[in-house]
PDB file of all heavy atoms in Angstrom:
ATOM      1  N   LYS A   1     129.112 129.352 128.189  1.00  0.00           N
ATOM      2  CA  LYS A   1     129.415 130.549 128.922  1.00  0.00           C
ATOM      3  C   LYS A   1     128.078 131.275 129.374  1.00  0.00           C
ATOM      4  O   LYS A   1     128.016 131.762 130.482  1.00  0.00           O
ATOM      5  CB  LYS A   1     130.289 131.541 128.073  1.00  0.00           C
ATOM      6  CG  LYS A   1     131.675 131.002 127.883  1.00  0.00           C
ATOM      7  CD  LYS A   1     132.505 132.051 127.012  1.00  0.00           C
ATOM      8  CE  LYS A   1     133.885 131.471 126.744  1.00  0.00           C
ATOM      9  NZ  LYS A   1     134.615 132.345 125.734  1.00  0.00           N
ATOM     10  N   LEU A   2     127.205 131.362 128.414  1.00  0.00           N
ATOM     11  CA  LEU A   2     125.902 131.997 128.784  1.00  0.00           C
ATOM     12  C   LEU A   2     125.149 131.207 129.891  1.00  0.00           C
ATOM     13  O   LEU A   2     124.620 131.838 130.753  1.00  0.00           O
ATOM     14  CB  LEU A   2     124.978 132.074 127.531  1.00  0.00           C
ATOM     15  CG  LEU A   2     123.621 132.799 127.636  1.00  0.00           C
ATOM     16  CD1 LEU A   2     123.875 134.213 127.894  1.00  0.00           C
ATOM     17  CD2 LEU A   2     122.893 132.586 126.345  1.00  0.00           C
ATOM     18  N   GLU A   3     125.204 129.951 129.825  1.00  0.00           N
ATOM     19  CA  GLU A   3     124.559 129.135 130.826  1.00  0.00           C
ATOM     20  C   GLU A   3     125.159 129.419 132.166  1.00  0.00           C
ATOM     21  O   GLU A   3     124.489 129.507 133.208  1.00  0.00           O
ATOM     22  CB  GLU A   3     124.563 127.693 130.492  1.00  0.00           C
ATOM     23  CG  GLU A   3     123.838 126.741 131.591  1.00  0.00           C
ATOM     24  CD  GLU A   3     122.414 127.169 131.913  1.00  0.00           C
ATOM     25  OE1 GLU A   3     121.619 127.671 131.030  1.00  0.00           O
ATOM     26  OE2 GLU A   3     122.112 127.087 133.088  1.00  0.00           O
ATOM     27  N   LYS A   4     126.412 129.503 132.201  1.00  0.00           N
ATOM     28  CA  LYS A   4     127.124 129.796 133.501  1.00  0.00           C
ATOM     29  C   LYS A   4     126.649 131.219 134.071  1.00  0.00           C
ATOM     30  O   LYS A   4     126.379 131.335 135.216  1.00  0.00           O
ATOM     31  CB  LYS A   4     128.680 129.837 133.204  1.00  0.00           C
ATOM     32  CG  LYS A   4     129.509 129.620 134.398  1.00  0.00           C
ATOM     33  CD  LYS A   4     130.961 129.522 134.007  1.00  0.00           C
ATOM     34  CE  LYS A   4     131.877 129.140 135.130  1.00  0.00           C
ATOM     35  NZ  LYS A   4     133.182 129.011 134.751  1.00  0.00           N
ATOM     36  N   ARG A   5     126.562 132.134 133.159  1.00  0.00           N
ATOM     37  CA  ARG A   5     126.160 133.455 133.600  1.00  0.00           C
ATOM     38  C   ARG A   5     124.696 133.451 134.063  1.00  0.00           C
ATOM     39  O   ARG A   5     124.370 134.060 135.095  1.00  0.00           O
ATOM     40  CB  ARG A   5     126.279 134.494 132.455  1.00  0.00           C
ATOM     41  CG  ARG A   5     127.794 135.025 132.298  1.00  0.00           C
ATOM     42  CD  ARG A   5     127.802 136.126 131.319  1.00  0.00           C
ATOM     43  NE  ARG A   5     128.322 135.455 130.096  1.00  0.00           N
ATOM     44  CZ  ARG A   5     128.000 135.760 128.813  1.00  0.00           C
ATOM     45  NH1 ARG A   5     127.177 136.715 128.665  1.00  0.00           N
ATOM     46  NH2 ARG A   5     128.452 135.100 127.867  1.00  0.00           N
ATOM     47  N   LEU A   6     123.807 132.757 133.241  1.00  0.00           N
ATOM     48  CA  LEU A   6     122.417 132.644 133.627  1.00  0.00           C
ATOM     49  C   LEU A   6     122.265 131.903 134.975  1.00  0.00           C
ATOM     50  O   LEU A   6     121.405 132.321 135.779  1.00  0.00           O
ATOM     51  CB  LEU A   6     121.630 131.961 132.489  1.00  0.00           C
ATOM     52  CG  LEU A   6     121.450 132.816 131.227  1.00  0.00           C
ATOM     53  CD1 LEU A   6     120.838 131.929 130.156  1.00  0.00           C
ATOM     54  CD2 LEU A   6     120.736 134.135 131.490  1.00  0.00           C
ATOM     55  N   SER A   7     123.107 130.900 135.210  1.00  0.00           N
ATOM     56  CA  SER A   7     122.944 130.127 136.460  1.00  0.00           C
ATOM     57  C   SER A   7     123.286 131.057 137.621  1.00  0.00           C
ATOM     58  O   SER A   7     122.762 131.022 138.772  1.00  0.00           O
ATOM     59  CB  SER A   7     123.930 128.901 136.513  1.00  0.00           C
ATOM     60  OG  SER A   7     123.433 128.034 135.539  1.00  0.00           O
ATOM     61  N   ALA A   8     124.404 131.830 137.479  1.00  0.00           N
ATOM     62  CA  ALA A   8     124.788 132.733 138.484  1.00  0.00           C
ATOM     63  C   ALA A   8     123.711 133.796 138.816  1.00  0.00           C
ATOM     64  O   ALA A   8     123.460 134.055 139.904  1.00  0.00           O
ATOM     65  CB  ALA A   8     126.136 133.499 138.131  1.00  0.00           C
ATOM     66  N   ILE A   9     123.070 134.246 137.829  1.00  0.00           N
ATOM     67  CA  ILE A   9     122.056 135.275 137.910  1.00  0.00           C
ATOM     68  C   ILE A   9     120.883 134.689 138.648  1.00  0.00           C
ATOM     69  O   ILE A   9     120.166 135.156 139.503  1.00  0.00           O
ATOM     70  CB  ILE A   9     121.549 135.849 136.525  1.00  0.00           C
ATOM     71  CG1 ILE A   9     122.714 136.753 135.996  1.00  0.00           C
ATOM     72  CG2 ILE A   9     120.231 136.675 136.693  1.00  0.00           C
ATOM     73  CD1 ILE A   9     122.521 137.141 134.564  1.00  0.00           C
ATOM     74  N   ARG A  10     120.455 133.429 138.214  1.00  0.00           N
ATOM     75  CA  ARG A  10     119.418 132.716 138.858  1.00  0.00           C
ATOM     76  C   ARG A  10     119.701 132.462 140.317  1.00  0.00           C
ATOM     77  O   ARG A  10     118.826 132.718 141.172  1.00  0.00           O
ATOM     78  CB  ARG A  10     119.102 131.371 138.153  1.00  0.00           C
ATOM     79  CG  ARG A  10     118.250 131.583 136.876  1.00  0.00           C
ATOM     80  CD  ARG A  10     117.772 130.214 136.391  1.00  0.00           C
ATOM     81  NE  ARG A  10     118.872 129.362 135.922  1.00  0.00           N
ATOM     82  CZ  ARG A  10     119.277 129.337 134.572  1.00  0.00           C
ATOM     83  NH1 ARG A  10     118.651 130.077 133.728  1.00  0.00           N
ATOM     84  NH2 ARG A  10     120.193 128.547 134.207  1.00  0.00           N
ATOM     85  N   ALA A  11     120.917 132.088 140.649  1.00  0.00           N
ATOM     86  CA  ALA A  11     121.194 131.804 141.994  1.00  0.00           C
ATOM     87  C   ALA A  11     121.271 133.072 142.891  1.00  0.00           C
ATOM     88  O   ALA A  11     120.743 133.073 144.019  1.00  0.00           O
ATOM     89  CB  ALA A  11     122.675 131.167 142.099  1.00  0.00           C
ATOM     90  N   SER A  12     121.755 134.213 142.298  1.00  0.00           N
ATOM     91  CA  SER A  12     121.719 135.439 143.063  1.00  0.00           C
ATOM     92  C   SER A  12     120.262 135.929 143.166  1.00  0.00           C
ATOM     93  O   SER A  12     119.938 136.446 144.284  1.00  0.00           O
ATOM     94  CB  SER A  12     122.479 136.546 142.217  1.00  0.00           C
ATOM     95  OG  SER A  12     123.801 136.207 142.143  1.00  0.00           O
ATOM     96  N   THR A  13     119.397 135.800 142.226  1.00  0.00           N
ATOM     97  CA  THR A  13     118.082 136.121 142.378  1.00  0.00           C
ATOM     98  C   THR A  13     117.380 135.335 143.407  1.00  0.00           C
ATOM     99  O   THR A  13     116.602 135.911 144.236  1.00  0.00           O
ATOM    100  CB  THR A  13     117.363 136.019 141.013  1.00  0.00           C
ATOM    101  OG1 THR A  13     118.018 136.735 140.006  1.00  0.00           O
ATOM    102  CG2 THR A  13     115.799 136.437 141.102  1.00  0.00           C
ATOM    103  N   GLU A  14     117.612 134.067 143.423  1.00  0.00           N
ATOM    104  CA  GLU A  14     116.981 133.180 144.394  1.00  0.00           C
ATOM    105  C   GLU A  14     117.556 133.523 145.835  1.00  0.00           C
ATOM    106  O   GLU A  14     116.645 133.563 146.818  1.00  0.00           O
ATOM    107  CB  GLU A  14     117.271 131.743 144.076  1.00  0.00           C
ATOM    108  CG  GLU A  14     116.442 130.738 145.043  1.00  0.00           C
ATOM    109  CD  GLU A  14     114.996 130.924 144.768  1.00  0.00           C
ATOM    110  OE1 GLU A  14     114.541 131.230 143.716  1.00  0.00           O
ATOM    111  OE2 GLU A  14     114.354 130.708 145.876  1.00  0.00           O
ATOM    112  N   ALA A  15     118.801 133.826 145.922  1.00  0.00           N
ATOM    113  CA  ALA A  15     119.342 134.169 147.239  1.00  0.00           C
ATOM    114  C   ALA A  15     118.649 135.446 147.750  1.00  0.00           C
ATOM    115  O   ALA A  15     118.375 135.707 148.925  1.00  0.00           O
ATOM    116  CB  ALA A  15     120.912 134.378 147.090  1.00  0.00           C
ATOM    117  N   ALA A  16     118.512 136.482 146.803  1.00  0.00           N
ATOM    118  CA  ALA A  16     117.865 137.820 147.155  1.00  0.00           C
ATOM    119  C   ALA A  16     116.426 137.566 147.641  1.00  0.00           C
ATOM    120  O   ALA A  16     116.033 138.148 148.527  1.00  0.00           O
ATOM    121  CB  ALA A  16     117.924 138.686 146.018  1.00  0.00           C
ATOM    122  N   LYS A  17     115.789 136.672 146.926  1.00  0.00           N
ATOM    123  CA  LYS A  17     114.365 136.323 147.365  1.00  0.00           C
ATOM    124  C   LYS A  17     114.332 135.691 148.816  1.00  0.00           C
ATOM    125  O   LYS A  17     113.535 136.073 149.641  1.00  0.00           O
ATOM    126  CB  LYS A  17     113.649 135.373 146.405  1.00  0.00           C
ATOM    127  CG  LYS A  17     113.270 135.959 145.106  1.00  0.00           C
ATOM    128  CD  LYS A  17     112.648 134.905 144.150  1.00  0.00           C
ATOM    129  CE  LYS A  17     112.334 135.515 142.775  1.00  0.00           C
ATOM    130  NZ  LYS A  17     111.882 134.524 141.856  1.00  0.00           N
ATOM    131  N   ILE A  18     115.300 134.777 149.094  1.00  0.00           N
ATOM    132  CA  ILE A  18     115.381 134.166 150.333  1.00  0.00           C
ATOM    133  C   ILE A  18     115.652 135.196 151.435  1.00  0.00           C
ATOM    134  O   ILE A  18     115.059 135.258 152.506  1.00  0.00           O
ATOM    135  CB  ILE A  18     116.363 132.985 150.386  1.00  0.00           C
ATOM    136  CG1 ILE A  18     115.812 131.839 149.469  1.00  0.00           C
ATOM    137  CG2 ILE A  18     116.708 132.554 151.818  1.00  0.00           C
ATOM    138  CD1 ILE A  18     116.896 130.781 149.223  1.00  0.00           C
ATOM    139  N   ILE A  19     116.597 136.120 151.124  1.00  0.00           N
ATOM    140  CA  ILE A  19     116.998 137.119 152.022  1.00  0.00           C
ATOM    141  C   ILE A  19     115.788 137.989 152.308  1.00  0.00           C
ATOM    142  O   ILE A  19     115.512 138.420 153.437  1.00  0.00           O
ATOM    143  CB  ILE A  19     118.164 137.942 151.497  1.00  0.00           C
ATOM    144  CG1 ILE A  19     119.388 137.116 151.544  1.00  0.00           C
ATOM    145  CG2 ILE A  19     118.382 139.264 152.279  1.00  0.00           C
ATOM    146  CD1 ILE A  19     120.519 137.654 150.799  1.00  0.00           C
ATOM    147  N   GLN A  20     115.089 138.328 151.255  1.00  0.00           N
ATOM    148  CA  GLN A  20     113.843 139.286 151.403  1.00  0.00           C
ATOM    149  C   GLN A  20     112.870 138.603 152.326  1.00  0.00           C
ATOM    150  O   GLN A  20     112.258 139.226 153.120  1.00  0.00           O
ATOM    151  CB  GLN A  20     113.383 139.668 150.030  1.00  0.00           C
ATOM    152  CG  GLN A  20     112.236 140.649 150.202  1.00  0.00           C
ATOM    153  CD  GLN A  20     111.728 141.029 148.824  1.00  0.00           C
ATOM    154  OE1 GLN A  20     112.095 140.518 147.777  1.00  0.00           O
ATOM    155  NE2 GLN A  20     110.809 141.996 148.750  1.00  0.00           N
ATOM    156  N   ALA A  21     112.648 137.266 152.026  1.00  0.00           N
ATOM    157  CA  ALA A  21     111.612 136.574 152.820  1.00  0.00           C
ATOM    158  C   ALA A  21     112.002 136.428 154.268  1.00  0.00           C
ATOM    159  O   ALA A  21     111.193 136.482 155.132  1.00  0.00           O
ATOM    160  CB  ALA A  21     111.373 135.225 152.216  1.00  0.00           C
ATOM    161  N   GLN A  22     113.298 136.183 154.564  1.00  0.00           N
ATOM    162  CA  GLN A  22     113.723 135.892 155.854  1.00  0.00           C
ATOM    163  C   GLN A  22     114.071 137.110 156.766  1.00  0.00           C
ATOM    164  O   GLN A  22     113.953 137.047 157.937  1.00  0.00           O
ATOM    165  CB  GLN A  22     114.919 134.953 155.875  1.00  0.00           C
ATOM    166  CG  GLN A  22     114.569 133.644 155.234  1.00  0.00           C
ATOM    167  CD  GLN A  22     113.585 132.824 155.957  1.00  0.00           C
ATOM    168  OE1 GLN A  22     113.471 132.760 157.097  1.00  0.00           O
ATOM    169  NE2 GLN A  22     112.605 132.285 155.235  1.00  0.00           N
ATOM    170  N   ALA A  23     114.481 138.142 156.082  1.00  0.00           N
ATOM    171  CA  ALA A  23     114.918 139.366 156.797  1.00  0.00           C
ATOM    172  C   ALA A  23     113.932 140.475 156.645  1.00  0.00           C
ATOM    173  O   ALA A  23     113.559 140.729 155.455  1.00  0.00           O
ATOM    174  CB  ALA A  23     116.319 139.797 156.330  1.00  0.00           C
ATOM    175  N   GLY A  24     113.565 140.996 157.697  1.00  0.00           N
ATOM    176  CA  GLY A  24     112.658 142.165 157.641  1.00  0.00           C
ATOM    177  C   GLY A  24     113.624 143.356 157.112  1.00  0.00           C
ATOM    178  O   GLY A  24     114.766 143.083 156.835  1.00  0.00           O
ATOM    179  N   ASP A  25     113.116 144.463 156.929  1.00  0.00           N
ATOM    180  CA  ASP A  25     113.972 145.572 156.398  1.00  0.00           C
ATOM    181  C   ASP A  25     114.397 146.361 157.538  1.00  0.00           C
ATOM    182  O   ASP A  25     114.923 147.576 157.402  1.00  0.00           O
ATOM    183  CB  ASP A  25     113.130 146.378 155.407  1.00  0.00           C
ATOM    184  CG  ASP A  25     114.155 147.109 154.483  1.00  0.00           C
ATOM    185  OD1 ASP A  25     115.272 146.645 154.284  1.00  0.00           O
ATOM    186  OD2 ASP A  25     113.744 148.147 153.938  1.00  0.00           O
ATOM    187  N   ASN A  26     114.404 145.852 158.747  1.00  0.00           N
ATOM    188  CA  ASN A  26     114.951 146.614 159.914  1.00  0.00           C
ATOM    189  C   ASN A  26     116.405 146.838 159.635  1.00  0.00           C
ATOM    190  O   ASN A  26     117.232 145.997 159.307  1.00  0.00           O
ATOM    191  CB  ASN A  26     114.832 145.759 161.228  1.00  0.00           C
ATOM    192  CG  ASN A  26     113.376 145.395 161.421  1.00  0.00           C
ATOM    193  OD1 ASN A  26     112.524 146.093 160.982  1.00  0.00           O
ATOM    194  ND2 ASN A  26     113.124 144.244 162.138  1.00  0.00           N
ATOM    195  N   GLU A  27     116.864 148.051 159.822  1.00  0.00           N
ATOM    196  CA  GLU A  27     118.222 148.536 159.647  1.00  0.00           C
ATOM    197  C   GLU A  27     118.687 148.145 158.310  1.00  0.00           C
ATOM    198  O   GLU A  27     119.917 147.992 158.057  1.00  0.00           O
ATOM    199  CB  GLU A  27     119.100 147.730 160.651  1.00  0.00           C
ATOM    200  CG  GLU A  27     118.899 148.106 162.170  1.00  0.00           C
ATOM    201  CD  GLU A  27     119.915 147.516 163.013  1.00  0.00           C
ATOM    202  OE1 GLU A  27     121.185 147.691 162.746  1.00  0.00           O
ATOM    203  OE2 GLU A  27     119.498 146.759 163.847  1.00  0.00           O
ATOM    204  N   ASP A  28     117.877 147.977 157.383  1.00  0.00           N
ATOM    205  CA  ASP A  28     118.124 147.687 155.942  1.00  0.00           C
ATOM    206  C   ASP A  28     119.004 146.466 155.862  1.00  0.00           C
ATOM    207  O   ASP A  28     120.073 146.394 155.207  1.00  0.00           O
ATOM    208  CB  ASP A  28     118.878 148.935 155.316  1.00  0.00           C
ATOM    209  CG  ASP A  28     118.719 148.970 153.799  1.00  0.00           C
ATOM    210  OD1 ASP A  28     117.889 148.156 153.329  1.00  0.00           O
ATOM    211  OD2 ASP A  28     119.399 149.667 153.169  1.00  0.00           O
ATOM    212  N   ALA A  29     118.614 145.333 156.555  1.00  0.00           N
ATOM    213  CA  ALA A  29     119.406 144.075 156.607  1.00  0.00           C
ATOM    214  C   ALA A  29     119.475 143.483 155.272  1.00  0.00           C
ATOM    215  O   ALA A  29     120.470 142.895 154.910  1.00  0.00           O
ATOM    216  CB  ALA A  29     118.639 143.181 157.638  1.00  0.00           C
ATOM    217  N   ARG A  30     118.411 143.565 154.393  1.00  0.00           N
ATOM    218  CA  ARG A  30     118.528 143.043 153.037  1.00  0.00           C
ATOM    219  C   ARG A  30     119.676 143.684 152.254  1.00  0.00           C
ATOM    220  O   ARG A  30     120.380 142.948 151.572  1.00  0.00           O
ATOM    221  CB  ARG A  30     117.217 143.222 152.284  1.00  0.00           C
ATOM    222  CG  ARG A  30     116.078 142.319 152.863  1.00  0.00           C
ATOM    223  CD  ARG A  30     114.881 142.530 152.021  1.00  0.00           C
ATOM    224  NE  ARG A  30     114.402 143.806 152.351  1.00  0.00           N
ATOM    225  CZ  ARG A  30     113.123 144.141 152.342  1.00  0.00           C
ATOM    226  NH1 ARG A  30     112.236 143.307 151.870  1.00  0.00           N
ATOM    227  NH2 ARG A  30     112.679 145.409 152.679  1.00  0.00           N
ATOM    228  N   SER A  31     119.789 144.984 152.356  1.00  0.00           N
ATOM    229  CA  SER A  31     120.828 145.637 151.543  1.00  0.00           C
ATOM    230  C   SER A  31     122.262 145.172 152.041  1.00  0.00           C
ATOM    231  O   SER A  31     123.101 144.875 151.224  1.00  0.00           O
ATOM    232  CB  SER A  31     120.788 147.188 151.792  1.00  0.00           C
ATOM    233  OG  SER A  31     119.650 147.657 151.139  1.00  0.00           O
ATOM    234  N   GLY A  32     122.392 144.946 153.342  1.00  0.00           N
ATOM    235  CA  GLY A  32     123.691 144.427 153.841  1.00  0.00           C
ATOM    236  C   GLY A  32     123.918 143.013 153.244  1.00  0.00           C
ATOM    237  O   GLY A  32     125.010 142.692 152.850  1.00  0.00           O
ATOM    238  N   ALA A  33     122.930 142.185 153.345  1.00  0.00           N
ATOM    239  CA  ALA A  33     123.060 140.844 152.796  1.00  0.00           C
ATOM    240  C   ALA A  33     123.372 140.828 151.217  1.00  0.00           C
ATOM    241  O   ALA A  33     124.187 140.102 150.815  1.00  0.00           O
ATOM    242  CB  ALA A  33     121.845 139.951 153.077  1.00  0.00           C
ATOM    243  N   LEU A  34     122.642 141.708 150.526  1.00  0.00           N
ATOM    244  CA  LEU A  34     122.874 141.760 149.147  1.00  0.00           C
ATOM    245  C   LEU A  34     124.253 142.267 148.791  1.00  0.00           C
ATOM    246  O   LEU A  34     124.897 141.852 147.813  1.00  0.00           O
ATOM    247  CB  LEU A  34     121.770 142.594 148.414  1.00  0.00           C
ATOM    248  CG  LEU A  34     120.415 142.016 148.445  1.00  0.00           C
ATOM    249  CD1 LEU A  34     119.325 142.852 147.934  1.00  0.00           C
ATOM    250  CD2 LEU A  34     120.340 140.643 147.732  1.00  0.00           C
ATOM    251  N   THR A  35     124.703 143.299 149.604  1.00  0.00           N
ATOM    252  CA  THR A  35     126.044 143.853 149.370  1.00  0.00           C
ATOM    253  C   THR A  35     127.091 142.631 149.558  1.00  0.00           C
ATOM    254  O   THR A  35     127.995 142.580 148.778  1.00  0.00           O
ATOM    255  CB  THR A  35     126.354 144.955 150.319  1.00  0.00           C
ATOM    256  OG1 THR A  35     125.322 146.080 149.930  1.00  0.00           O
ATOM    257  CG2 THR A  35     127.679 145.491 150.175  1.00  0.00           C
ATOM    258  N   ALA A  36     126.888 141.912 150.507  1.00  0.00           N
ATOM    259  CA  ALA A  36     127.863 140.841 150.801  1.00  0.00           C
ATOM    260  C   ALA A  36     127.816 139.796 149.659  1.00  0.00           C
ATOM    261  O   ALA A  36     128.788 139.258 149.208  1.00  0.00           O
ATOM    262  CB  ALA A  36     127.525 140.100 152.133  1.00  0.00           C
ATOM    263  N   LEU A  37     126.562 139.666 149.160  1.00  0.00           N
ATOM    264  CA  LEU A  37     126.420 138.591 148.047  1.00  0.00           C
ATOM    265  C   LEU A  37     127.161 139.104 146.809  1.00  0.00           C
ATOM    266  O   LEU A  37     127.845 138.382 146.130  1.00  0.00           O
ATOM    267  CB  LEU A  37     124.949 138.344 147.768  1.00  0.00           C
ATOM    268  CG  LEU A  37     124.578 137.432 146.638  1.00  0.00           C
ATOM    269  CD1 LEU A  37     124.955 135.944 147.090  1.00  0.00           C
ATOM    270  CD2 LEU A  37     123.124 137.502 146.386  1.00  0.00           C
ATOM    271  N   ILE A  38     127.007 140.421 146.565  1.00  0.00           N
ATOM    272  CA  ILE A  38     127.562 140.991 145.340  1.00  0.00           C
ATOM    273  C   ILE A  38     129.092 141.008 145.427  1.00  0.00           C
ATOM    274  O   ILE A  38     129.847 140.733 144.533  1.00  0.00           O
ATOM    275  CB  ILE A  38     127.119 142.458 145.081  1.00  0.00           C
ATOM    276  CG1 ILE A  38     125.650 142.407 144.694  1.00  0.00           C
ATOM    277  CG2 ILE A  38     127.923 143.162 144.102  1.00  0.00           C
ATOM    278  CD1 ILE A  38     124.903 143.760 144.705  1.00  0.00           C
TER     279      ILE A  38
END
């Protein structure tokens, strides 16, 4: 159960890093992407 939770956290963290790297903060695009991810 813990590994499942940690994997989800790692995947979300990696996705957030990719979003941050690919999207500028114009119009707060990262927040929109992170909201969708959550």
